[in-house]
PDB file of N, CA and C in Angstrom:
ATOM      1  N   UNK A   1     165.180 224.018 -19.880  1.00  0.00           N
ATOM      2  CA  UNK A   1     163.919 223.332 -20.076  1.00  0.00           C
ATOM      3  C   UNK A   1     163.169 224.019 -21.206  1.00  0.00           C
ATOM      4  N   UNK A   2     162.675 223.219 -22.147  1.00  0.00           N
ATOM      5  CA  UNK A   2     161.906 223.767 -23.260  1.00  0.00           C
ATOM      6  C   UNK A   2     160.417 223.552 -22.991  1.00  0.00           C
ATOM      7  N   UNK A   3     159.637 224.529 -23.371  1.00  0.00           N
ATOM      8  CA  UNK A   3     158.194 224.469 -23.151  1.00  0.00           C
ATOM      9  C   UNK A   3     157.472 224.437 -24.491  1.00  0.00           C
ATOM     10  N   UNK A   4     156.473 223.569 -24.571  1.00  0.00           N
ATOM     11  CA  UNK A   4     155.672 223.414 -25.780  1.00  0.00           C
ATOM     12  C   UNK A   4     154.199 223.473 -25.418  1.00  0.00           C
ATOM     13  N   UNK A   5     153.403 224.048 -26.298  1.00  0.00           N
ATOM     14  CA  UNK A   5     151.952 223.968 -26.169  1.00  0.00           C
ATOM     15  C   UNK A   5     151.505 222.902 -27.159  1.00  0.00           C
ATOM     16  N   UNK A   6     150.922 221.832 -26.639  1.00  0.00           N
ATOM     17  CA  UNK A   6     150.480 220.732 -27.491  1.00  0.00           C
ATOM     18  C   UNK A   6     149.186 221.107 -28.199  1.00  0.00           C
ATOM     19  N   UNK A   7     148.829 220.351 -29.215  1.00  0.00           N
ATOM     20  CA  UNK A   7     147.607 220.637 -29.974  1.00  0.00           C
ATOM     21  C   UNK A   7     146.375 220.637 -29.080  1.00  0.00           C
ATOM     22  N   UNK A   8     146.408 219.864 -28.006  1.00  0.00           N
ATOM     23  CA  UNK A   8     145.273 219.800 -27.073  1.00  0.00           C
ATOM     24  C   UNK A   8     145.193 221.031 -26.185  1.00  0.00           C
ATOM     25  N   UNK A   9     146.263 221.834 -26.181  1.00  0.00           N
ATOM     26  CA  UNK A   9     146.329 222.991 -25.293  1.00  0.00           C
ATOM     27  C   UNK A   9     147.145 222.722 -24.038  1.00  0.00           C
ATOM     28  N   UNK A  10     147.491 221.464 -23.796  1.00  0.00           N
ATOM     29  CA  UNK A  10     148.308 221.111 -22.632  1.00  0.00           C
ATOM     30  C   UNK A  10     149.699 221.719 -22.784  1.00  0.00           C
ATOM     31  N   UNK A  11     150.298 222.059 -21.657  1.00  0.00           N
ATOM     32  CA  UNK A  11     151.653 222.605 -21.642  1.00  0.00           C
ATOM     33  C   UNK A  11     152.621 221.485 -21.284  1.00  0.00           C
ATOM     34  N   UNK A  12     153.602 221.287 -22.141  1.00  0.00           N
ATOM     35  CA  UNK A  12     154.610 220.254 -21.945  1.00  0.00           C
ATOM     36  C   UNK A  12     155.952 220.937 -21.714  1.00  0.00           C
ATOM     37  N   UNK A  13     156.635 220.544 -20.647  1.00  0.00           N
ATOM     38  CA  UNK A  13     157.965 221.067 -20.349  1.00  0.00           C
ATOM     39  C   UNK A  13     158.925 219.888 -20.369  1.00  0.00           C
ATOM     40  N   UNK A  14     159.962 220.004 -21.201  1.00  0.00           N
ATOM     41  CA  UNK A  14     160.907 218.910 -21.400  1.00  0.00           C
ATOM     42  C   UNK A  14     162.316 219.412 -21.124  1.00  0.00           C
ATOM     43  N   UNK A  15     163.007 218.736 -20.231  1.00  0.00           N
ATOM     44  CA  UNK A  15     164.395 219.045 -19.932  1.00  0.00           C
ATOM     45  C   UNK A  15     165.267 217.921 -20.466  1.00  0.00           C
ATOM     46  N   UNK A  16     166.477 218.254 -20.892  1.00  0.00           N
ATOM     47  CA  UNK A  16     167.394 217.236 -21.399  1.00  0.00           C
ATOM     48  C   UNK A  16     167.799 216.277 -20.284  1.00  0.00           C
ATOM     49  N   UNK A  17     167.910 215.008 -20.655  1.00  0.00           N
ATOM     50  CA  UNK A  17     168.429 213.994 -19.739  1.00  0.00           C
ATOM     51  C   UNK A  17     169.947 214.046 -19.756  1.00  0.00           C
ATOM     52  N   UNK A  18     170.564 213.241 -18.897  1.00  0.00           N
ATOM     53  CA  UNK A  18     172.009 213.114 -18.906  1.00  0.00           C
ATOM     54  C   UNK A  18     172.456 212.540 -20.251  1.00  0.00           C
ATOM     55  N   UNK A  19     173.735 212.689 -20.571  1.00  0.00           N
ATOM     56  CA  UNK A  19     174.258 212.276 -21.864  1.00  0.00           C
ATOM     57  C   UNK A  19     173.943 210.817 -22.179  1.00  0.00           C
ATOM     58  N   UNK A  20     174.225 209.909 -21.246  1.00  0.00           N
ATOM     59  CA  UNK A  20     174.033 208.484 -21.518  1.00  0.00           C
ATOM     60  C   UNK A  20     172.582 208.158 -21.871  1.00  0.00           C
ATOM     61  N   UNK A  21     171.639 208.728 -21.139  1.00  0.00           N
ATOM     62  CA  UNK A  21     170.218 208.466 -21.408  1.00  0.00           C
ATOM     63  C   UNK A  21     169.786 209.060 -22.741  1.00  0.00           C
ATOM     64  N   UNK A  22     170.215 210.298 -23.009  1.00  0.00           N
ATOM     65  CA  UNK A  22     169.855 210.944 -24.270  1.00  0.00           C
ATOM     66  C   UNK A  22     170.477 210.214 -25.459  1.00  0.00           C
ATOM     67  N   UNK A  23     171.732 209.780 -25.304  1.00  0.00           N
ATOM     68  CA  UNK A  23     172.401 209.088 -26.399  1.00  0.00           C
ATOM     69  C   UNK A  23     171.792 207.706 -26.633  1.00  0.00           C
ATOM     70  N   UNK A  24     171.367 207.042 -25.573  1.00  0.00           N
ATOM     71  CA  UNK A  24     170.682 205.753 -25.723  1.00  0.00           C
ATOM     72  C   UNK A  24     169.381 205.930 -26.491  1.00  0.00           C
ATOM     73  N   UNK A  25     168.647 206.994 -26.176  1.00  0.00           N
ATOM     74  CA  UNK A  25     167.414 207.281 -26.916  1.00  0.00           C
ATOM     75  C   UNK A  25     167.741 207.562 -28.381  1.00  0.00           C
ATOM     76  N   UNK A  26     168.760 208.344 -28.617  1.00  0.00           N
ATOM     77  CA  UNK A  26     169.168 208.655 -29.986  1.00  0.00           C
ATOM     78  C   UNK A  26     169.497 207.388 -30.768  1.00  0.00           C
ATOM     79  N   UNK A  27     170.305 206.510 -30.199  1.00  0.00           N
ATOM     80  CA  UNK A  27     170.678 205.270 -30.893  1.00  0.00           C
ATOM     81  C   UNK A  27     169.464 204.384 -31.142  1.00  0.00           C
ATOM     82  N   UNK A  28     168.556 204.289 -30.168  1.00  0.00           N
ATOM     83  CA  UNK A  28     167.352 203.467 -30.339  1.00  0.00           C
ATOM     84  C   UNK A  28     166.471 204.032 -31.447  1.00  0.00           C
ATOM     85  N   UNK A  29     166.313 205.345 -31.485  1.00  0.00           N
ATOM     86  CA  UNK A  29     165.504 205.973 -32.538  1.00  0.00           C
ATOM     87  C   UNK A  29     166.130 205.757 -33.911  1.00  0.00           C
ATOM     88  N   UNK A  30     167.446 205.850 -33.986  1.00  0.00           N
ATOM     89  CA  UNK A  30     168.119 205.646 -35.265  1.00  0.00           C
ATOM     90  C   UNK A  30     167.919 204.208 -35.752  1.00  0.00           C
ATOM     91  N   UNK A  31     167.912 203.250 -34.848  1.00  0.00           N
ATOM     92  CA  UNK A  31     167.628 201.861 -35.234  1.00  0.00           C
ATOM     93  C   UNK A  31     166.209 201.753 -35.773  1.00  0.00           C
ATOM     94  N   UNK A  32     165.262 202.399 -35.086  1.00  0.00           N
ATOM     95  CA  UNK A  32     163.867 202.352 -35.534  1.00  0.00           C
ATOM     96  C   UNK A  32     163.711 202.970 -36.917  1.00  0.00           C
ATOM     97  N   UNK A  33     164.336 204.110 -37.132  1.00  0.00           N
ATOM     98  CA  UNK A  33     164.245 204.793 -38.422  1.00  0.00           C
ATOM     99  C   UNK A  33     164.875 203.944 -39.519  1.00  0.00           C
ATOM    100  N   UNK A  34     165.960 203.266 -39.179  1.00  0.00           N
ATOM    101  CA  UNK A  34     166.648 202.425 -40.149  1.00  0.00           C
ATOM    102  C   UNK A  34     165.961 201.098 -40.384  1.00  0.00           C
ATOM    103  N   UNK A  35     164.909 200.830 -39.620  1.00  0.00           N
ATOM    104  CA  UNK A  35     164.151 199.606 -39.820  1.00  0.00           C
ATOM    105  C   UNK A  35     164.765 198.384 -39.166  1.00  0.00           C
ATOM    106  N   UNK A  36     165.667 198.604 -38.201  1.00  0.00           N
ATOM    107  CA  UNK A  36     166.305 197.462 -37.546  1.00  0.00           C
ATOM    108  C   UNK A  36     165.301 196.644 -36.739  1.00  0.00           C
ATOM    109  N   UNK A  37     164.262 197.304 -36.225  1.00  0.00           N
ATOM    110  CA  UNK A  37     163.266 196.583 -35.440  1.00  0.00           C
ATOM    111  C   UNK A  37     161.959 196.527 -36.222  1.00  0.00           C
ATOM    112  N   UNK A  38     161.798 195.520 -37.016  1.00  0.00           N
ATOM    113  CA  UNK A  38     160.597 195.369 -37.841  1.00  0.00           C
ATOM    114  C   UNK A  38     159.396 194.899 -37.020  1.00  0.00           C
ATOM    115  N   UNK A  39     159.611 194.598 -35.737  1.00  0.00           N
ATOM    116  CA  UNK A  39     158.523 194.148 -34.878  1.00  0.00           C
ATOM    117  C   UNK A  39     157.831 195.303 -34.159  1.00  0.00           C
ATOM    118  N   UNK A  40     158.297 196.538 -34.390  1.00  0.00           N
ATOM    119  CA  UNK A  40     157.652 197.680 -33.755  1.00  0.00           C
ATOM    120  C   UNK A  40     156.207 197.747 -34.237  1.00  0.00           C
ATOM    121  N   UNK A  41     155.241 197.798 -33.315  1.00  0.00           N
ATOM    122  CA  UNK A  41     153.823 197.727 -33.701  1.00  0.00           C
ATOM    123  C   UNK A  41     153.337 198.961 -34.442  1.00  0.00           C
ATOM    124  N   UNK A  42     152.643 198.745 -35.533  1.00  0.00           N
ATOM    125  CA  UNK A  42     151.956 199.801 -36.276  1.00  0.00           C
ATOM    126  C   UNK A  42     152.857 200.987 -36.584  1.00  0.00           C
ATOM    127  N   UNK A  43     154.097 200.727 -36.909  1.00  0.00           N
ATOM    128  CA  UNK A  43     155.013 201.813 -37.216  1.00  0.00           C
ATOM    129  C   UNK A  43     155.428 202.595 -35.985  1.00  0.00           C
ATOM    130  N   UNK A  44     155.142 202.071 -34.804  1.00  0.00           N
ATOM    131  CA  UNK A  44     155.480 202.750 -33.563  1.00  0.00           C
ATOM    132  C   UNK A  44     156.924 202.523 -33.179  1.00  0.00           C
ATOM    133  N   UNK A  45     157.207 202.740 -31.926  1.00  0.00           N
ATOM    134  CA  UNK A  45     158.560 202.620 -31.424  1.00  0.00           C
ATOM    135  C   UNK A  45     158.854 201.197 -30.983  1.00  0.00           C
ATOM    136  N   UNK A  46     160.120 200.831 -31.076  1.00  0.00           N
ATOM    137  CA  UNK A  46     160.553 199.524 -30.583  1.00  0.00           C
ATOM    138  C   UNK A  46     160.507 199.524 -29.059  1.00  0.00           C
ATOM    139  N   UNK A  47     160.608 198.341 -28.478  1.00  0.00           N
ATOM    140  CA  UNK A  47     160.637 198.223 -27.018  1.00  0.00           C
ATOM    141  C   UNK A  47     161.837 198.975 -26.448  1.00  0.00           C
ATOM    142  N   UNK A  48     162.956 198.949 -27.158  1.00  0.00           N
ATOM    143  CA  UNK A  48     164.156 199.662 -26.700  1.00  0.00           C
ATOM    144  C   UNK A  48     163.903 201.168 -26.657  1.00  0.00           C
ATOM    145  N   UNK A  49     163.280 201.693 -27.699  1.00  0.00           N
ATOM    146  CA  UNK A  49     162.980 203.122 -27.730  1.00  0.00           C
ATOM    147  C   UNK A  49     161.963 203.476 -26.654  1.00  0.00           C
ATOM    148  N   UNK A  50     160.942 202.641 -26.482  1.00  0.00           N
ATOM    149  CA  UNK A  50     159.965 202.869 -25.414  1.00  0.00           C
ATOM    150  C   UNK A  50     160.645 202.978 -24.054  1.00  0.00           C
ATOM    151  N   UNK A  51     161.556 202.057 -23.764  1.00  0.00           N
ATOM    152  CA  UNK A  51     162.253 202.063 -22.473  1.00  0.00           C
ATOM    153  C   UNK A  51     163.061 203.352 -22.311  1.00  0.00           C
ATOM    154  N   UNK A  52     163.719 203.771 -23.366  1.00  0.00           N
ATOM    155  CA  UNK A  52     164.503 205.013 -23.306  1.00  0.00           C
ATOM    156  C   UNK A  52     163.590 206.223 -23.122  1.00  0.00           C
ATOM    157  N   UNK A  53     162.454 206.241 -23.820  1.00  0.00           N
ATOM    158  CA  UNK A  53     161.508 207.347 -23.677  1.00  0.00           C
ATOM    159  C   UNK A  53     160.990 207.440 -22.249  1.00  0.00           C
ATOM    160  N   UNK A  54     160.592 206.301 -21.681  1.00  0.00           N
ATOM    161  CA  UNK A  54     160.050 206.330 -20.321  1.00  0.00           C
ATOM    162  C   UNK A  54     161.102 206.780 -19.313  1.00  0.00           C
ATOM    163  N   UNK A  55     162.368 206.484 -19.571  1.00  0.00           N
ATOM    164  CA  UNK A  55     163.429 206.986 -18.702  1.00  0.00           C
ATOM    165  C   UNK A  55     163.517 208.508 -18.842  1.00  0.00           C
ATOM    166  N   UNK A  56     163.410 208.999 -20.076  1.00  0.00           N
ATOM    167  CA  UNK A  56     163.465 210.444 -20.315  1.00  0.00           C
ATOM    168  C   UNK A  56     162.260 211.172 -19.721  1.00  0.00           C
ATOM    169  N   UNK A  57     161.153 210.483 -19.555  1.00  0.00           N
ATOM    170  CA  UNK A  57     159.968 211.099 -18.971  1.00  0.00           C
ATOM    171  C   UNK A  57     160.232 211.600 -17.555  1.00  0.00           C
ATOM    172  N   UNK A  58     161.319 211.161 -16.934  1.00  0.00           N
ATOM    173  CA  UNK A  58     161.676 211.632 -15.593  1.00  0.00           C
ATOM    174  C   UNK A  58     161.847 213.146 -15.563  1.00  0.00           C
ATOM    175  N   UNK A  59     162.159 213.729 -16.717  1.00  0.00           N
ATOM    176  CA  UNK A  59     162.387 215.174 -16.788  1.00  0.00           C
ATOM    177  C   UNK A  59     161.340 215.865 -17.654  1.00  0.00           C
ATOM    178  N   UNK A  60     160.120 215.343 -17.615  1.00  0.00           N
ATOM    179  CA  UNK A  60     159.026 215.912 -18.403  1.00  0.00           C
ATOM    180  C   UNK A  60     157.869 216.258 -17.471  1.00  0.00           C
ATOM    181  N   UNK A  61     157.323 217.457 -17.675  1.00  0.00           N
ATOM    182  CA  UNK A  61     156.123 217.873 -16.947  1.00  0.00           C
ATOM    183  C   UNK A  61     154.993 218.065 -17.957  1.00  0.00           C
ATOM    184  N   UNK A  62     153.842 217.524 -17.630  1.00  0.00           N
ATOM    185  CA  UNK A  62     152.631 217.664 -18.442  1.00  0.00           C
ATOM    186  C   UNK A  62     151.663 218.473 -17.598  1.00  0.00           C
ATOM    187  N   UNK A  63     151.400 219.707 -18.010  1.00  0.00           N
ATOM    188  CA  UNK A  63     150.595 220.626 -17.190  1.00  0.00           C
ATOM    189  C   UNK A  63     151.114 220.668 -15.760  1.00  0.00           C
ATOM    190  N   UNK A  64     152.442 220.750 -15.627  1.00  0.00           N
ATOM    191  CA  UNK A  64     153.156 220.840 -14.343  1.00  0.00           C
ATOM    192  C   UNK A  64     153.037 219.596 -13.471  1.00  0.00           C
ATOM    193  N   UNK A  65     152.678 218.470 -14.066  1.00  0.00           N
ATOM    194  CA  UNK A  65     152.638 217.179 -13.361  1.00  0.00           C
ATOM    195  C   UNK A  65     153.708 216.283 -13.978  1.00  0.00           C
ATOM    196  N   UNK A  66     154.520 215.662 -13.137  1.00  0.00           N
ATOM    197  CA  UNK A  66     155.574 214.762 -13.627  1.00  0.00           C
ATOM    198  C   UNK A  66     154.957 213.661 -14.473  1.00  0.00           C
ATOM    199  N   UNK A  67     155.503 213.439 -15.656  1.00  0.00           N
ATOM    200  CA  UNK A  67     154.989 212.422 -16.573  1.00  0.00           C
ATOM    201  C   UNK A  67     155.585 211.063 -16.243  1.00  0.00           C
ATOM    202  N   UNK A  68     154.715 210.098 -16.000  1.00  0.00           N
ATOM    203  CA  UNK A  68     155.139 208.713 -15.775  1.00  0.00           C
ATOM    204  C   UNK A  68     153.960 207.800 -16.098  1.00  0.00           C
ATOM    205  N   UNK A  69     154.168 206.510 -15.939  1.00  0.00           N
ATOM    206  CA  UNK A  69     153.098 205.561 -16.276  1.00  0.00           C
ATOM    207  C   UNK A  69     151.878 205.756 -15.379  1.00  0.00           C
ATOM    208  N   UNK A  70     152.083 206.196 -14.150  1.00  0.00           N
ATOM    209  CA  UNK A  70     150.937 206.437 -13.265  1.00  0.00           C
ATOM    210  C   UNK A  70     150.039 207.536 -13.833  1.00  0.00           C
ATOM    211  N   UNK A  71     150.650 208.568 -14.409  1.00  0.00           N
ATOM    212  CA  UNK A  71     149.848 209.643 -14.988  1.00  0.00           C
ATOM    213  C   UNK A  71     149.061 209.143 -16.198  1.00  0.00           C
ATOM    214  N   UNK A  72     149.662 208.252 -16.968  1.00  0.00           N
ATOM    215  CA  UNK A  72     148.959 207.678 -18.121  1.00  0.00           C
ATOM    216  C   UNK A  72     147.750 206.850 -17.697  1.00  0.00           C
ATOM    217  N   UNK A  73     147.775 206.355 -16.472  1.00  0.00           N
ATOM    218  CA  UNK A  73     146.666 205.550 -15.951  1.00  0.00           C
ATOM    219  C   UNK A  73     145.749 206.327 -15.011  1.00  0.00           C
ATOM    220  N   UNK A  74     146.022 207.589 -14.801  1.00  0.00           N
ATOM    221  CA  UNK A  74     145.243 208.410 -13.882  1.00  0.00           C
ATOM    222  C   UNK A  74     143.795 208.527 -14.373  1.00  0.00           C
ATOM    223  N   UNK A  75     142.846 208.352 -13.465  1.00  0.00           N
ATOM    224  CA  UNK A  75     141.429 208.361 -13.852  1.00  0.00           C
ATOM    225  C   UNK A  75     140.935 209.739 -14.295  1.00  0.00           C
ATOM    226  N   UNK A  76     141.629 210.801 -13.885  1.00  0.00           N
ATOM    227  CA  UNK A  76     141.172 212.145 -14.253  1.00  0.00           C
ATOM    228  C   UNK A  76     141.829 212.674 -15.522  1.00  0.00           C
ATOM    229  N   UNK A  77     143.126 212.464 -15.686  1.00  0.00           N
ATOM    230  CA  UNK A  77     143.825 213.054 -16.832  1.00  0.00           C
ATOM    231  C   UNK A  77     144.479 212.024 -17.753  1.00  0.00           C
ATOM    232  N   UNK A  78     144.463 210.782 -17.382  1.00  0.00           N
ATOM    233  CA  UNK A  78     145.134 209.751 -18.174  1.00  0.00           C
ATOM    234  C   UNK A  78     144.680 209.689 -19.612  1.00  0.00           C
ATOM    235  N   UNK A  79     143.387 209.832 -19.851  1.00  0.00           N
ATOM    236  CA  UNK A  79     142.858 209.772 -21.218  1.00  0.00           C
ATOM    237  C   UNK A  79     143.440 210.899 -22.066  1.00  0.00           C
ATOM    238  N   UNK A  80     143.492 212.110 -21.505  1.00  0.00           N
ATOM    239  CA  UNK A  80     144.046 213.260 -22.232  1.00  0.00           C
ATOM    240  C   UNK A  80     145.529 213.056 -22.513  1.00  0.00           C
ATOM    241  N   UNK A  81     146.260 212.545 -21.533  1.00  0.00           N
ATOM    242  CA  UNK A  81     147.699 212.308 -21.724  1.00  0.00           C
ATOM    243  C   UNK A  81     147.907 211.272 -22.825  1.00  0.00           C
ATOM    244  N   UNK A  82     147.076 210.241 -22.835  1.00  0.00           N
ATOM    245  CA  UNK A  82     147.192 209.212 -23.883  1.00  0.00           C
ATOM    246  C   UNK A  82     146.925 209.793 -25.261  1.00  0.00           C
ATOM    247  N   UNK A  83     145.948 210.705 -25.353  1.00  0.00           N
ATOM    248  CA  UNK A  83     145.664 211.343 -26.642  1.00  0.00           C
ATOM    249  C   UNK A  83     146.853 212.173 -27.117  1.00  0.00           C
ATOM    250  N   UNK A  84     147.612 212.718 -26.193  1.00  0.00           N
ATOM    251  CA  UNK A  84     148.775 213.536 -26.514  1.00  0.00           C
ATOM    252  C   UNK A  84     150.065 212.725 -26.602  1.00  0.00           C
ATOM    253  N   UNK A  85     149.996 211.425 -26.372  1.00  0.00           N
ATOM    254  CA  UNK A  85     151.191 210.605 -26.191  1.00  0.00           C
ATOM    255  C   UNK A  85     152.207 210.727 -27.324  1.00  0.00           C
ATOM    256  N   UNK A  86     151.788 210.573 -28.576  1.00  0.00           N
ATOM    257  CA  UNK A  86     152.763 210.608 -29.661  1.00  0.00           C
ATOM    258  C   UNK A  86     153.350 211.998 -29.854  1.00  0.00           C
ATOM    259  N   UNK A  87     152.553 213.024 -29.632  1.00  0.00           N
ATOM    260  CA  UNK A  87     153.099 214.384 -29.699  1.00  0.00           C
ATOM    261  C   UNK A  87     154.110 214.602 -28.567  1.00  0.00           C
ATOM    262  N   UNK A  88     153.809 214.058 -27.393  1.00  0.00           N
ATOM    263  CA  UNK A  88     154.747 214.144 -26.260  1.00  0.00           C
ATOM    264  C   UNK A  88     156.056 213.448 -26.613  1.00  0.00           C
ATOM    265  N   UNK A  89     155.961 212.226 -27.135  1.00  0.00           N
ATOM    266  CA  UNK A  89     157.190 211.482 -27.436  1.00  0.00           C
ATOM    267  C   UNK A  89     158.024 212.197 -28.500  1.00  0.00           C
ATOM    268  N   UNK A  90     157.379 212.800 -29.483  1.00  0.00           N
ATOM    269  CA  UNK A  90     158.127 213.531 -30.510  1.00  0.00           C
ATOM    270  C   UNK A  90     158.884 214.717 -29.911  1.00  0.00           C
ATOM    271  N   UNK A  91     158.273 215.395 -28.963  1.00  0.00           N
ATOM    272  CA  UNK A  91     158.935 216.533 -28.304  1.00  0.00           C
ATOM    273  C   UNK A  91     160.093 216.054 -27.425  1.00  0.00           C
ATOM    274  N   UNK A  92     159.917 214.937 -26.750  1.00  0.00           N
ATOM    275  CA  UNK A  92     160.992 214.376 -25.925  1.00  0.00           C
ATOM    276  C   UNK A  92     162.170 213.982 -26.812  1.00  0.00           C
ATOM    277  N   UNK A  93     161.876 213.377 -27.950  1.00  0.00           N
ATOM    278  CA  UNK A  93     162.931 213.002 -28.903  1.00  0.00           C
ATOM    279  C   UNK A  93     163.607 214.258 -29.447  1.00  0.00           C
ATOM    280  N   UNK A  94     162.835 215.265 -29.792  1.00  0.00           N
ATOM    281  CA  UNK A  94     163.392 216.512 -30.315  1.00  0.00           C
ATOM    282  C   UNK A  94     164.393 217.132 -29.329  1.00  0.00           C
ATOM    283  N   UNK A  95     164.010 217.224 -28.069  1.00  0.00           N
ATOM    284  CA  UNK A  95     164.863 217.862 -27.064  1.00  0.00           C
ATOM    285  C   UNK A  95     166.104 217.027 -26.769  1.00  0.00           C
ATOM    286  N   UNK A  96     165.942 215.712 -26.667  1.00  0.00           N
ATOM    287  CA  UNK A  96     167.061 214.863 -26.265  1.00  0.00           C
ATOM    288  C   UNK A  96     167.947 214.394 -27.413  1.00  0.00           C
ATOM    289  N   UNK A  97     167.382 214.230 -28.595  1.00  0.00           N
ATOM    290  CA  UNK A  97     168.165 213.744 -29.738  1.00  0.00           C
ATOM    291  C   UNK A  97     168.604 214.866 -30.669  1.00  0.00           C
ATOM    292  N   UNK A  98     167.915 215.973 -30.652  1.00  0.00           N
ATOM    293  CA  UNK A  98     168.233 217.089 -31.531  1.00  0.00           C
ATOM    294  C   UNK A  98     169.690 217.508 -31.524  1.00  0.00           C
ATOM    295  N   UNK A  99     170.294 217.638 -30.340  1.00  0.00           N
ATOM    296  CA  UNK A  99     171.696 218.064 -30.322  1.00  0.00           C
ATOM    297  C   UNK A  99     172.639 217.108 -31.069  1.00  0.00           C
ATOM    298  N   UNK A 100     172.302 215.820 -31.116  1.00  0.00           N
ATOM    299  CA  UNK A 100     173.152 214.855 -31.818  1.00  0.00           C
ATOM    300  C   UNK A 100     173.038 214.997 -33.336  1.00  0.00           C
ATOM    301  N   UNK A 101     171.961 215.607 -33.792  1.00  0.00           N
ATOM    302  CA  UNK A 101     171.689 215.680 -35.225  1.00  0.00           C
ATOM    303  C   UNK A 101     172.094 217.002 -35.858  1.00  0.00           C
ATOM    304  N   UNK A 102     172.279 218.043 -35.073  1.00  0.00           N
ATOM    305  CA  UNK A 102     172.531 219.377 -35.632  1.00  0.00           C
ATOM    306  C   UNK A 102     173.774 219.430 -36.496  1.00  0.00           C
ATOM    307  N   UNK A 103     174.882 218.984 -36.007  1.00  0.00           N
ATOM    308  CA  UNK A 103     176.124 219.071 -36.778  1.00  0.00           C
ATOM    309  C   UNK A 103     176.319 217.810 -37.627  1.00  0.00           C
ATOM    310  N   UNK A 104     175.766 216.709 -37.197  1.00  0.00           N
ATOM    311  CA  UNK A 104     175.949 215.459 -37.924  1.00  0.00           C
ATOM    312  C   UNK A 104     175.215 215.425 -39.244  1.00  0.00           C
ATOM    313  N   UNK A 105     174.245 216.303 -39.429  1.00  0.00           N
ATOM    314  CA  UNK A 105     173.460 216.271 -40.661  1.00  0.00           C
ATOM    315  C   UNK A 105     174.114 217.049 -41.792  1.00  0.00           C
ATOM    316  N   UNK A 106     175.126 217.862 -41.478  1.00  0.00           N
ATOM    317  CA  UNK A 106     175.801 218.596 -42.545  1.00  0.00           C
ATOM    318  C   UNK A 106     177.099 217.907 -42.893  1.00  0.00           C
ATOM    319  N   UNK A 107     177.426 217.894 -44.164  1.00  0.00           N
ATOM    320  CA  UNK A 107     178.644 217.224 -44.582  1.00  0.00           C
ATOM    321  C   UNK A 107     179.828 218.160 -44.419  1.00  0.00           C
ATOM    322  N   UNK A 108     180.921 217.604 -43.971  1.00  0.00           N
ATOM    323  CA  UNK A 108     182.143 218.399 -43.832  1.00  0.00           C
ATOM    324  C   UNK A 108     183.197 217.795 -44.746  1.00  0.00           C
ATOM    325  N   UNK A 109     183.963 218.665 -45.328  1.00  0.00           N
ATOM    326  CA  UNK A 109     184.992 218.196 -46.264  1.00  0.00           C
ATOM    327  C   UNK A 109     186.347 218.584 -45.770  1.00  0.00           C
TER     328      UNK A 109
END
C-alpha cells in the first residue's frame, strides 16, 4: 500500500487492485489519452475510465476511511473529498497503471 499526503493535507492510502481491474483501468486511460473518447467532459475521464476508477476505489483509504460514492456525498467530509478528487484519481492511476508503463516506455532493440 502506498501512502500520499494530498495538497489539502489529507492522507491517501492506495493499494493495487487485482491484475484484471488494474489492466482495465490502464487500457481505459490509454484510450482517453489517445483521444478515443472525445465525449469526456471538460478534458476529464471517459465513462469507462470512471467505472474502472470507482472499482479501484475499493482499495483506497482517505484519512483511513474507505473511499466510495457514499463518502463523496457525506455531509461532513464529502466537500473536502470532492476538492481532492482529481488528485485522488491521479494517485490511483499512478499506483495501478504505473507498473504497466515502467518497462513499456523504454525501447528495446
